[in-house]
Amino acid sequence: MSLAAIALFLLGFAASWVAGRYVRTGAAVIQGGAIGICGVAALLFGMPELWEENLTWALIALLIYGLIGALIFRSGQAARENAE
């Protein structure tokens, strides 16, 4: 895994939390788009050998990444609700 992949995965996680914490309307769309774009970009640019050699494991990695992103999004929403 390269530093580009790590940076893109972390960027997706950060965008998920920010969308959950600060965005009210359309937050789920923003979160889904950020996780999708950052996850695929991380696999294509940061780990191309995984993408080329074994598509099944790449899709499983994206699924797990999306589930973790959803948990981070929900924690951001909970923080927003507690702040109100």
Protein backbone atom coordinates (compact mmCIF):
# COMPACT_ATOMS: atom_id res chain seq x y z
CA MET A 1 0.00 0.00 0.00
CA SER A 2 1.43 3.35 -0.98
CA LEU A 3 1.15 6.69 0.74
CA ALA A 4 -1.27 7.84 -1.97
CA ALA A 5 -3.69 5.04 -1.04
CA ILE A 6 -3.45 5.87 2.66
CA ALA A 7 -4.01 9.57 1.99
CA LEU A 8 -7.04 8.90 -0.22
CA PHE A 9 -8.59 6.47 2.26
CA LEU A 10 -8.12 8.98 5.09
CA LEU A 11 -9.54 11.77 2.93
CA GLY A 12 -12.69 9.70 2.39
CA PHE A 13 -13.00 9.05 6.13
CA ALA A 14 -12.56 12.75 6.90
CA ALA A 15 -15.16 13.72 4.30
CA SER A 16 -17.59 11.22 5.82
CA TRP A 17 -17.22 12.67 9.29
CA VAL A 18 -17.48 16.27 8.06
CA ALA A 19 -20.61 15.43 6.05
CA GLY A 20 -22.20 13.79 9.08
CA ARG A 21 -21.18 16.53 11.48
CA TYR A 22 -21.80 19.72 9.52
CA VAL A 23 -24.10 19.02 6.56
CA ARG A 24 -27.83 18.69 7.07
CA THR A 25 -29.37 18.45 3.60
CA GLY A 26 -27.87 15.87 1.26
CA ALA A 27 -25.30 14.60 3.74
CA ALA A 28 -25.79 10.96 2.79
CA VAL A 29 -25.23 11.75 -0.89
CA ILE A 30 -22.05 13.65 -0.12
CA GLN A 31 -20.79 10.89 2.14
CA GLY A 32 -21.54 8.16 -0.39
CA GLY A 33 -19.87 10.08 -3.18
CA ALA A 34 -16.79 10.88 -1.13
CA ILE A 35 -16.36 7.28 0.02
CA GLY A 36 -16.93 5.96 -3.48
CA ILE A 37 -14.57 8.35 -5.24
CA CYS A 38 -11.82 8.17 -2.62
CA GLY A 39 -12.03 4.39 -2.30
CA VAL A 40 -11.85 3.69 -6.01
CA ALA A 41 -9.10 6.28 -6.48
CA ALA A 42 -7.09 4.72 -3.66
CA LEU A 43 -7.34 1.30 -5.26
CA LEU A 44 -6.59 2.51 -8.78
CA PHE A 45 -3.71 4.85 -7.96
CA GLY A 46 -2.41 3.57 -4.65
CA MET A 47 -2.82 -0.19 -5.05
CA PRO A 48 -3.12 -0.97 -8.77
CA GLU A 49 -1.63 -4.45 -8.35
CA LEU A 50 -4.56 -5.50 -6.14
CA TRP A 51 -7.05 -4.11 -8.66
CA GLU A 52 -5.34 -5.88 -11.59
CA GLU A 53 -4.60 -9.22 -9.97
CA ASN A 54 -7.68 -9.94 -7.90
CA LEU A 55 -10.84 -7.94 -8.50
CA THR A 56 -12.77 -9.92 -5.88
CA TRP A 57 -10.46 -8.85 -3.05
CA ALA A 58 -10.51 -5.27 -4.31
CA LEU A 59 -14.30 -5.22 -4.16
CA ILE A 60 -14.28 -6.77 -0.70
CA ALA A 61 -11.82 -4.06 0.41
CA LEU A 62 -14.16 -1.40 -0.99
CA LEU A 63 -17.11 -2.95 0.84
CA ILE A 64 -15.27 -2.93 4.16
CA TYR A 65 -14.06 0.63 3.50
CA GLY A 66 -17.62 1.74 2.81
CA LEU A 67 -18.93 0.12 6.00
CA ILE A 68 -16.26 1.82 8.10
CA GLY A 69 -17.05 5.11 6.36
CA ALA A 70 -20.73 4.67 7.21
CA LEU A 71 -19.85 4.19 10.90
CA ILE A 72 -17.75 7.34 10.84
CA PHE A 73 -20.62 9.21 9.14
CA ARG A 74 -23.06 8.06 11.83
CA SER A 75 -20.67 9.17 14.59
CA GLY A 76 -20.51 12.61 12.97
CA GLN A 77 -24.30 12.75 12.91
CA ALA A 78 -24.44 11.75 16.57
CA ALA A 79 -21.97 14.49 17.45
CA ARG A 80 -24.12 17.02 15.61
CA GLU A 81 -27.28 15.87 17.40
CA ASN A 82 -25.56 16.06 20.80
CA ALA A 83 -24.31 19.57 20.04
CA GLU A 84 -27.82 20.82 19.30
